[in-house]
Amino acid sequence: NHNDKIRLFFQDEILVKPLIFWKGFFSILKENGIIREDCNPELLAKEYYSFPIYLLLEICAKYDDIPESTLENFFKESEEHANFLIDCVKVK
């Protein structure tokens, strides 16, 4: 079925692959002592990635034509979130 193929494609590209990437990224940071050893890379990846996905859903629910200022704010908030999360788990 064509709809099933499209659905699976989006699941893979928007949910599965990014989480695999971020889990690997956080695993490398953990192995190199950059983030705390007690961090769970899989859970950390889900926590990290969930905020930008929430912001995108919020934007899509509000706008048919997304204003440029809203996109700029999305990137600003996503960057602040990344810095906040890394600050919370980094080795001091």
N, C-alpha and C. Protein backbone atom coordinates (compact mmCIF):
# COMPACT_ATOMS: atom_id res chain seq x y z
N ASN A 1 0.84 -1.19 0.00
CA ASN A 1 0.00 0.00 0.00
C ASN A 1 0.89 1.25 0.00
N HIS A 2 0.54 2.19 -0.83
CA HIS A 2 1.32 3.43 -0.98
C HIS A 2 1.34 4.24 0.32
N ASN A 3 0.21 4.35 1.00
CA ASN A 3 0.15 5.11 2.26
C ASN A 3 1.03 4.49 3.34
N ASP A 4 1.06 3.17 3.39
CA ASP A 4 1.91 2.49 4.37
C ASP A 4 3.38 2.77 4.10
N LYS A 5 3.78 2.79 2.84
CA LYS A 5 5.17 3.08 2.49
C LYS A 5 5.55 4.50 2.89
N ILE A 6 4.66 5.43 2.65
CA ILE A 6 4.92 6.83 3.03
C ILE A 6 5.00 6.96 4.54
N ARG A 7 4.06 6.33 5.25
CA ARG A 7 4.06 6.39 6.71
C ARG A 7 5.35 5.80 7.27
N LEU A 8 5.77 4.66 6.77
CA LEU A 8 7.00 4.02 7.25
C LEU A 8 8.23 4.87 6.93
N PHE A 9 8.23 5.51 5.76
CA PHE A 9 9.33 6.39 5.40
C PHE A 9 9.46 7.52 6.42
N PHE A 10 8.35 8.19 6.73
CA PHE A 10 8.40 9.30 7.67
C PHE A 10 8.74 8.84 9.07
N GLN A 11 8.23 7.70 9.49
CA GLN A 11 8.60 7.17 10.81
C GLN A 11 10.11 6.95 10.89
N ASP A 12 10.66 6.36 9.84
CA ASP A 12 12.08 6.07 9.81
C ASP A 12 12.93 7.34 9.80
N GLU A 13 12.56 8.28 8.93
CA GLU A 13 13.35 9.49 8.75
C GLU A 13 13.19 10.51 9.88
N ILE A 14 12.00 10.58 10.47
CA ILE A 14 11.74 11.61 11.48
C ILE A 14 11.90 11.08 12.90
N LEU A 15 11.66 9.79 13.10
CA LEU A 15 11.73 9.25 14.45
C LEU A 15 12.90 8.28 14.66
N VAL A 16 13.01 7.26 13.84
CA VAL A 16 13.97 6.20 14.10
C VAL A 16 15.42 6.65 13.88
N LYS A 17 15.73 7.13 12.68
CA LYS A 17 17.12 7.49 12.37
C LYS A 17 17.67 8.59 13.26
N PRO A 18 16.92 9.67 13.53
CA PRO A 18 17.48 10.69 14.43
C PRO A 18 17.79 10.14 15.83
N LEU A 19 16.92 9.28 16.35
CA LEU A 19 17.18 8.73 17.68
C LEU A 19 18.39 7.81 17.67
N ILE A 20 18.58 7.06 16.61
CA ILE A 20 19.78 6.22 16.50
C ILE A 20 21.03 7.11 16.49
N PHE A 21 20.97 8.20 15.70
CA PHE A 21 22.10 9.12 15.65
C PHE A 21 22.40 9.70 17.02
N TRP A 22 21.37 10.26 17.68
CA TRP A 22 21.61 10.93 18.97
C TRP A 22 22.03 9.94 20.04
N LYS A 23 21.52 8.74 20.03
CA LYS A 23 21.96 7.72 21.00
C LYS A 23 23.45 7.44 20.80
N GLY A 24 23.86 7.29 19.54
CA GLY A 24 25.28 7.08 19.26
C GLY A 24 26.14 8.26 19.68
N PHE A 25 25.65 9.46 19.40
CA PHE A 25 26.36 10.68 19.78
C PHE A 25 26.56 10.75 21.29
N PHE A 26 25.48 10.52 22.05
CA PHE A 26 25.59 10.59 23.51
C PHE A 26 26.42 9.43 24.06
N SER A 27 26.40 8.28 23.39
CA SER A 27 27.25 7.16 23.81
C SER A 27 28.73 7.53 23.67
N ILE A 28 29.08 8.18 22.58
CA ILE A 28 30.46 8.62 22.36
C ILE A 28 30.87 9.65 23.42
N LEU A 29 29.98 10.61 23.70
CA LEU A 29 30.28 11.59 24.73
C LEU A 29 30.48 10.92 26.09
N LYS A 30 29.66 9.95 26.39
CA LYS A 30 29.77 9.21 27.66
C LYS A 30 31.09 8.44 27.72
N GLU A 31 31.41 7.73 26.64
CA GLU A 31 32.65 6.94 26.60
C GLU A 31 33.89 7.81 26.74
N ASN A 32 33.81 9.05 26.30
CA ASN A 32 34.96 9.96 26.36
C ASN A 32 34.96 10.86 27.59
N GLY A 33 34.04 10.60 28.52
CA GLY A 33 34.02 11.34 29.76
C GLY A 33 33.53 12.77 29.64
N ILE A 34 32.86 13.09 28.54
CA ILE A 34 32.37 14.45 28.33
C ILE A 34 31.05 14.66 29.06
N ILE A 35 30.25 13.60 29.11
CA ILE A 35 29.03 13.65 29.91
C ILE A 35 29.14 12.58 30.99
N ARG A 36 28.32 12.71 32.00
CA ARG A 36 28.41 11.83 33.16
C ARG A 36 28.24 10.36 32.77
N GLU A 37 28.94 9.52 33.49
CA GLU A 37 28.92 8.08 33.21
C GLU A 37 27.58 7.43 33.53
N ASP A 38 26.81 8.04 34.42
CA ASP A 38 25.52 7.43 34.80
C ASP A 38 24.38 7.81 33.84
N CYS A 39 24.68 8.54 32.76
CA CYS A 39 23.65 8.92 31.78
C CYS A 39 23.28 7.72 30.92
N ASN A 40 22.01 7.61 30.61
CA ASN A 40 21.50 6.59 29.71
C ASN A 40 21.40 7.22 28.32
N PRO A 41 22.29 6.84 27.37
CA PRO A 41 22.30 7.49 26.05
C PRO A 41 20.97 7.38 25.30
N GLU A 42 20.27 6.27 25.43
CA GLU A 42 18.99 6.11 24.73
C GLU A 42 17.93 7.06 25.30
N LEU A 43 17.83 7.11 26.61
CA LEU A 43 16.86 8.01 27.24
C LEU A 43 17.25 9.47 26.99
N LEU A 44 18.53 9.75 27.05
CA LEU A 44 19.01 11.11 26.80
C LEU A 44 18.68 11.53 25.36
N ALA A 45 18.84 10.62 24.41
CA ALA A 45 18.50 10.92 23.02
C ALA A 45 17.02 11.25 22.88
N LYS A 46 16.17 10.46 23.53
CA LYS A 46 14.72 10.72 23.47
C LYS A 46 14.37 12.05 24.12
N GLU A 47 14.98 12.34 25.25
CA GLU A 47 14.73 13.61 25.93
C GLU A 47 15.20 14.79 25.07
N TYR A 48 16.39 14.64 24.52
CA TYR A 48 16.96 15.71 23.70
C TYR A 48 16.11 15.98 22.47
N TYR A 49 15.70 14.93 21.79
CA TYR A 49 15.00 15.07 20.52
C TYR A 49 13.52 15.42 20.70
N SER A 50 12.96 15.15 21.85
CA SER A 50 11.53 15.38 22.05
C SER A 50 11.16 16.87 22.04
N PHE A 51 12.03 17.71 22.52
CA PHE A 51 11.69 19.14 22.58
C PHE A 51 11.56 19.78 21.20
N PRO A 52 12.54 19.59 20.29
CA PRO A 52 12.35 20.16 18.95
C PRO A 52 11.13 19.59 18.23
N ILE A 53 10.85 18.31 18.44
CA ILE A 53 9.66 17.71 17.82
C ILE A 53 8.40 18.37 18.37
N TYR A 54 8.37 18.61 19.67
CA TYR A 54 7.23 19.32 20.28
C TYR A 54 7.08 20.70 19.66
N LEU A 55 8.19 21.44 19.53
CA LEU A 55 8.12 22.78 18.94
C LEU A 55 7.58 22.73 17.51
N LEU A 56 8.03 21.76 16.72
CA LEU A 56 7.55 21.63 15.35
C LEU A 56 6.06 21.32 15.30
N LEU A 57 5.60 20.44 16.17
CA LEU A 57 4.17 20.13 16.22
C LEU A 57 3.36 21.36 16.62
N GLU A 58 3.88 22.10 17.57
CA GLU A 58 3.21 23.33 18.01
C GLU A 58 3.10 24.33 16.85
N ILE A 59 4.18 24.49 16.11
CA ILE A 59 4.18 25.40 14.97
C ILE A 59 3.20 24.93 13.90
N CYS A 60 3.25 23.65 13.58
CA CYS A 60 2.36 23.10 12.54
C CYS A 60 0.89 23.22 12.93
N ALA A 61 0.60 23.14 14.22
CA ALA A 61 -0.78 23.27 14.68
C ALA A 61 -1.28 24.71 14.59
N LYS A 62 -0.36 25.67 14.65
CA LYS A 62 -0.75 27.08 14.66
C LYS A 62 -0.83 27.71 13.28
N TYR A 63 0.01 27.27 12.35
CA TYR A 63 0.17 27.99 11.09
C TYR A 63 -0.02 27.10 9.88
N ASP A 64 -0.62 27.68 8.85
CA ASP A 64 -0.61 27.05 7.54
C ASP A 64 0.63 27.51 6.78
N ASP A 65 0.97 28.77 6.94
CA ASP A 65 2.15 29.37 6.32
C ASP A 65 3.02 29.90 7.46
N ILE A 66 4.10 29.22 7.76
CA ILE A 66 4.90 29.52 8.95
C ILE A 66 5.69 30.82 8.74
N PRO A 67 5.50 31.80 9.64
CA PRO A 67 6.26 33.06 9.53
C PRO A 67 7.75 32.83 9.78
N GLU A 68 8.58 33.60 9.09
CA GLU A 68 10.02 33.46 9.23
C GLU A 68 10.47 33.68 10.68
N SER A 69 9.84 34.61 11.37
CA SER A 69 10.21 34.88 12.77
C SER A 69 9.95 33.66 13.65
N THR A 70 8.92 32.90 13.32
CA THR A 70 8.61 31.69 14.08
C THR A 70 9.69 30.64 13.86
N LEU A 71 10.17 30.51 12.64
CA LEU A 71 11.27 29.57 12.36
C LEU A 71 12.54 30.00 13.07
N GLU A 72 12.83 31.29 13.05
CA GLU A 72 14.01 31.80 13.75
C GLU A 72 13.91 31.49 15.24
N ASN A 73 12.73 31.68 15.80
CA ASN A 73 12.51 31.38 17.21
C ASN A 73 12.66 29.89 17.48
N PHE A 74 12.19 29.05 16.56
CA PHE A 74 12.35 27.59 16.70
C PHE A 74 13.82 27.23 16.84
N PHE A 75 14.67 27.77 15.95
CA PHE A 75 16.09 27.45 16.01
C PHE A 75 16.74 28.01 17.27
N LYS A 76 16.32 29.19 17.71
CA LYS A 76 16.85 29.78 18.94
C LYS A 76 16.48 28.91 20.15
N GLU A 77 15.22 28.53 20.24
CA GLU A 77 14.77 27.70 21.37
C GLU A 77 15.42 26.32 21.34
N SER A 78 15.60 25.76 20.15
CA SER A 78 16.25 24.45 20.04
C SER A 78 17.70 24.52 20.50
N GLU A 79 18.39 25.60 20.14
CA GLU A 79 19.77 25.78 20.57
C GLU A 79 19.85 25.97 22.09
N GLU A 80 18.95 26.77 22.65
CA GLU A 80 18.92 26.96 24.10
C GLU A 80 18.67 25.63 24.81
N HIS A 81 17.77 24.83 24.26
CA HIS A 81 17.47 23.52 24.84
C HIS A 81 18.70 22.62 24.80
N ALA A 82 19.40 22.60 23.68
CA ALA A 82 20.60 21.77 23.57
C ALA A 82 21.64 22.19 24.60
N ASN A 83 21.86 23.48 24.73
CA ASN A 83 22.84 23.98 25.71
C ASN A 83 22.41 23.62 27.13
N PHE A 84 21.14 23.78 27.43
CA PHE A 84 20.63 23.44 28.76
C PHE A 84 20.84 21.97 29.07
N LEU A 85 20.50 21.10 28.13
CA LEU A 85 20.62 19.68 28.38
C LEU A 85 22.07 19.26 28.55
N ILE A 86 22.94 19.74 27.68
CA ILE A 86 24.35 19.39 27.79
C ILE A 86 24.94 19.91 29.10
N ASP A 87 24.56 21.13 29.51
CA ASP A 87 25.03 21.67 30.79
C ASP A 87 24.60 20.79 31.96
N CYS A 88 23.42 20.17 31.84
CA CYS A 88 22.91 19.33 32.92
C CYS A 88 23.64 18.00 33.05
N VAL A 89 24.23 17.52 31.97
CA VAL A 89 24.81 16.18 32.01
C VAL A 89 26.33 16.17 31.83
N LYS A 90 26.94 17.32 31.57
CA LYS A 90 28.37 17.31 31.30
C LYS A 90 29.18 17.11 32.59
N VAL A 91 30.36 16.57 32.40
CA VAL A 91 31.29 16.38 33.51
C VAL A 91 31.90 17.72 33.82
N LYS A 92 31.96 18.06 35.08
CA LYS A 92 32.50 19.38 35.47
C LYS A 92 33.93 19.27 35.91
